[in-house]
Amino acid sequence: MEVSAFFVFALIASVTPGQSNVLLTTVDAQAGILRGMPALIGTAMGTGLILFVAGFGLGATILEHQMIRLCCALWV
């Protein structure tokens, strides 16, 4: 059951554009490819940073401590 759910998610995620793709398409269409490069680099670095932080267990730390979870909820 879990494997089939993963495949359904992977299929849907691979055929729908995410917010990063929409942002980059809009920036490139309005400003051109060279002026859109900072957006591309920022998107790639931001995604990499999120994956790096998640890989080191920041999500588990946030869920474990009630005060941190409250601060994160108020910030968002």
N, C-alpha and C. Protein backbone atom coordinates (compact mmCIF):
# COMPACT_ATOMS: atom_id res chain seq x y z
N MET A 1 0.82 -1.19 0.00
CA MET A 1 0.00 0.00 0.00
C MET A 1 0.87 1.25 0.00
N GLU A 2 1.92 1.31 0.81
CA GLU A 2 2.76 2.49 0.89
C GLU A 2 3.51 2.73 -0.41
N VAL A 3 3.93 1.67 -1.07
CA VAL A 3 4.67 1.82 -2.32
C VAL A 3 3.76 2.38 -3.40
N SER A 4 2.54 1.91 -3.45
CA SER A 4 1.61 2.42 -4.47
C SER A 4 1.28 3.89 -4.21
N ALA A 5 1.14 4.28 -2.96
CA ALA A 5 0.89 5.68 -2.64
C ALA A 5 2.08 6.54 -3.05
N PHE A 6 3.27 6.04 -2.84
CA PHE A 6 4.46 6.79 -3.26
C PHE A 6 4.49 6.96 -4.77
N PHE A 7 4.17 5.92 -5.52
CA PHE A 7 4.18 6.02 -6.98
C PHE A 7 3.12 6.99 -7.48
N VAL A 8 1.96 7.01 -6.85
CA VAL A 8 0.92 7.97 -7.24
C VAL A 8 1.41 9.39 -6.97
N PHE A 9 2.01 9.62 -5.81
CA PHE A 9 2.55 10.94 -5.49
C PHE A 9 3.65 11.33 -6.47
N ALA A 10 4.57 10.41 -6.77
CA ALA A 10 5.67 10.69 -7.69
C ALA A 10 5.15 11.04 -9.08
N LEU A 11 4.13 10.35 -9.52
CA LEU A 11 3.55 10.64 -10.84
C LEU A 11 2.93 12.03 -10.87
N ILE A 12 2.13 12.34 -9.86
CA ILE A 12 1.48 13.65 -9.82
C ILE A 12 2.50 14.76 -9.66
N ALA A 13 3.49 14.56 -8.82
CA ALA A 13 4.50 15.59 -8.60
C ALA A 13 5.37 15.81 -9.83
N SER A 14 5.56 14.80 -10.65
CA SER A 14 6.42 14.96 -11.81
C SER A 14 5.71 15.59 -13.00
N VAL A 15 4.40 15.58 -13.04
CA VAL A 15 3.69 16.15 -14.18
C VAL A 15 3.07 17.52 -13.90
N THR A 16 3.08 17.96 -12.66
CA THR A 16 2.53 19.27 -12.35
C THR A 16 3.68 20.24 -12.05
N PRO A 17 3.59 21.48 -12.54
CA PRO A 17 4.65 22.44 -12.24
C PRO A 17 4.51 22.94 -10.81
N GLY A 18 5.61 23.05 -10.14
CA GLY A 18 5.60 23.58 -8.78
C GLY A 18 5.71 25.09 -8.78
N GLN A 19 5.67 25.66 -7.61
CA GLN A 19 5.74 27.12 -7.51
C GLN A 19 7.08 27.65 -8.01
N SER A 20 8.15 26.89 -7.87
CA SER A 20 9.44 27.34 -8.37
C SER A 20 9.45 27.41 -9.89
N ASN A 21 8.88 26.43 -10.54
CA ASN A 21 8.84 26.45 -12.00
C ASN A 21 7.98 27.60 -12.52
N VAL A 22 6.88 27.87 -11.86
CA VAL A 22 6.02 28.97 -12.28
C VAL A 22 6.75 30.30 -12.07
N LEU A 23 7.42 30.45 -10.95
CA LEU A 23 8.19 31.67 -10.68
C LEU A 23 9.28 31.88 -11.73
N LEU A 24 10.05 30.85 -12.01
CA LEU A 24 11.14 30.97 -12.97
C LEU A 24 10.62 31.24 -14.37
N THR A 25 9.53 30.63 -14.76
CA THR A 25 8.95 30.89 -16.07
C THR A 25 8.50 32.34 -16.19
N THR A 26 7.87 32.86 -15.14
CA THR A 26 7.40 34.25 -15.15
C THR A 26 8.57 35.23 -15.21
N VAL A 27 9.59 35.00 -14.39
CA VAL A 27 10.75 35.89 -14.36
C VAL A 27 11.47 35.88 -15.70
N ASP A 28 11.67 34.70 -16.25
CA ASP A 28 12.36 34.61 -17.54
C ASP A 28 11.55 35.24 -18.66
N ALA A 29 10.24 35.10 -18.62
CA ALA A 29 9.40 35.69 -19.67
C ALA A 29 9.40 37.21 -19.59
N GLN A 30 9.46 37.75 -18.38
CA GLN A 30 9.41 39.20 -18.22
C GLN A 30 10.78 39.86 -18.36
N ALA A 31 11.83 39.21 -17.84
CA ALA A 31 13.14 39.87 -17.77
C ALA A 31 14.18 39.26 -18.69
N GLY A 32 13.95 38.08 -19.19
CA GLY A 32 14.94 37.42 -20.03
C GLY A 32 15.74 36.40 -19.23
N ILE A 33 16.44 35.56 -19.96
CA ILE A 33 17.15 34.44 -19.33
C ILE A 33 18.29 34.92 -18.44
N LEU A 34 19.09 35.85 -18.94
CA LEU A 34 20.25 36.29 -18.14
C LEU A 34 19.82 37.02 -16.87
N ARG A 35 18.79 37.83 -16.96
CA ARG A 35 18.33 38.53 -15.76
C ARG A 35 17.52 37.63 -14.85
N GLY A 36 17.12 36.46 -15.33
CA GLY A 36 16.41 35.48 -14.51
C GLY A 36 17.33 34.51 -13.79
N MET A 37 18.63 34.55 -14.13
CA MET A 37 19.59 33.63 -13.50
C MET A 37 19.66 33.77 -11.98
N PRO A 38 19.64 34.99 -11.41
CA PRO A 38 19.64 35.06 -9.93
C PRO A 38 18.44 34.34 -9.30
N ALA A 39 17.29 34.39 -9.96
CA ALA A 39 16.12 33.67 -9.43
C ALA A 39 16.35 32.17 -9.50
N LEU A 40 16.94 31.70 -10.58
CA LEU A 40 17.24 30.27 -10.72
C LEU A 40 18.24 29.82 -9.66
N ILE A 41 19.29 30.59 -9.47
CA ILE A 41 20.31 30.23 -8.47
C ILE A 41 19.71 30.27 -7.07
N GLY A 42 18.90 31.29 -6.78
CA GLY A 42 18.26 31.38 -5.47
C GLY A 42 17.30 30.24 -5.20
N THR A 43 16.55 29.85 -6.22
CA THR A 43 15.63 28.73 -6.07
C THR A 43 16.38 27.43 -5.81
N ALA A 44 17.45 27.21 -6.57
CA ALA A 44 18.24 25.99 -6.39
C ALA A 44 18.91 25.96 -5.01
N MET A 45 19.45 27.08 -4.58
CA MET A 45 20.11 27.12 -3.27
C MET A 45 19.09 26.98 -2.13
N GLY A 46 17.93 27.62 -2.27
CA GLY A 46 16.90 27.52 -1.24
C GLY A 46 16.36 26.10 -1.10
N THR A 47 16.13 25.44 -2.23
CA THR A 47 15.66 24.06 -2.19
C THR A 47 16.72 23.15 -1.57
N GLY A 48 17.96 23.36 -1.96
CA GLY A 48 19.05 22.58 -1.37
C GLY A 48 19.18 22.80 0.13
N LEU A 49 19.01 24.04 0.57
CA LEU A 49 19.09 24.34 2.00
C LEU A 49 17.97 23.66 2.77
N ILE A 50 16.76 23.70 2.22
CA ILE A 50 15.63 23.04 2.89
C ILE A 50 15.89 21.54 3.01
N LEU A 51 16.37 20.91 1.94
CA LEU A 51 16.65 19.48 1.99
C LEU A 51 17.78 19.16 2.96
N PHE A 52 18.79 20.01 3.02
CA PHE A 52 19.92 19.82 3.93
C PHE A 52 19.46 19.89 5.39
N VAL A 53 18.68 20.92 5.70
CA VAL A 53 18.19 21.11 7.07
C VAL A 53 17.25 19.98 7.46
N ALA A 54 16.37 19.58 6.55
CA ALA A 54 15.45 18.49 6.85
C ALA A 54 16.20 17.18 7.05
N GLY A 55 17.27 17.00 6.30
CA GLY A 55 18.07 15.77 6.44
C GLY A 55 18.76 15.66 7.79
N PHE A 56 19.03 16.79 8.42
CA PHE A 56 19.67 16.75 9.72
C PHE A 56 18.67 16.77 10.87
N GLY A 57 17.41 16.62 10.57
CA GLY A 57 16.41 16.40 11.61
C GLY A 57 15.81 17.63 12.23
N LEU A 58 15.81 18.75 11.55
CA LEU A 58 15.21 19.95 12.13
C LEU A 58 13.71 19.77 12.32
N GLY A 59 13.07 19.07 11.39
CA GLY A 59 11.63 18.84 11.53
C GLY A 59 11.29 18.06 12.79
N ALA A 60 12.10 17.04 13.10
CA ALA A 60 11.86 16.26 14.32
C ALA A 60 12.08 17.12 15.56
N THR A 61 13.05 18.00 15.51
CA THR A 61 13.31 18.89 16.65
C THR A 61 12.14 19.84 16.86
N ILE A 62 11.60 20.37 15.77
CA ILE A 62 10.47 21.29 15.88
C ILE A 62 9.25 20.57 16.44
N LEU A 63 9.00 19.35 15.98
CA LEU A 63 7.85 18.60 16.48
C LEU A 63 8.03 18.17 17.93
N GLU A 64 9.26 18.01 18.36
CA GLU A 64 9.53 17.53 19.72
C GLU A 64 9.33 18.61 20.77
N HIS A 65 9.64 19.84 20.45
CA HIS A 65 9.57 20.93 21.42
C HIS A 65 8.35 21.81 21.14
N GLN A 66 7.49 21.90 22.12
CA GLN A 66 6.23 22.62 21.97
C GLN A 66 6.45 24.11 21.73
N MET A 67 7.41 24.72 22.42
CA MET A 67 7.63 26.16 22.29
C MET A 67 8.15 26.51 20.89
N ILE A 68 9.04 25.70 20.35
CA ILE A 68 9.55 25.95 19.01
C ILE A 68 8.43 25.79 17.99
N ARG A 69 7.59 24.79 18.18
CA ARG A 69 6.45 24.58 17.27
C ARG A 69 5.50 25.77 17.31
N LEU A 70 5.25 26.31 18.49
CA LEU A 70 4.38 27.47 18.62
C LEU A 70 5.00 28.69 17.92
N CYS A 71 6.29 28.92 18.11
CA CYS A 71 6.96 30.04 17.45
C CYS A 71 6.92 29.90 15.93
N CYS A 72 7.12 28.68 15.43
CA CYS A 72 7.06 28.46 14.00
C CYS A 72 5.65 28.69 13.46
N ALA A 73 4.66 28.26 14.20
CA ALA A 73 3.27 28.46 13.77
C ALA A 73 2.91 29.94 13.76
N LEU A 74 3.40 30.70 14.74
CA LEU A 74 3.11 32.13 14.77
C LEU A 74 3.85 32.87 13.65
N TRP A 75 5.05 32.40 13.32
CA TRP A 75 5.84 33.04 12.28
C TRP A 75 5.21 32.84 10.91
N VAL A 76 4.69 31.63 10.67
CA VAL A 76 4.08 31.34 9.37
C VAL A 76 2.76 32.03 9.30
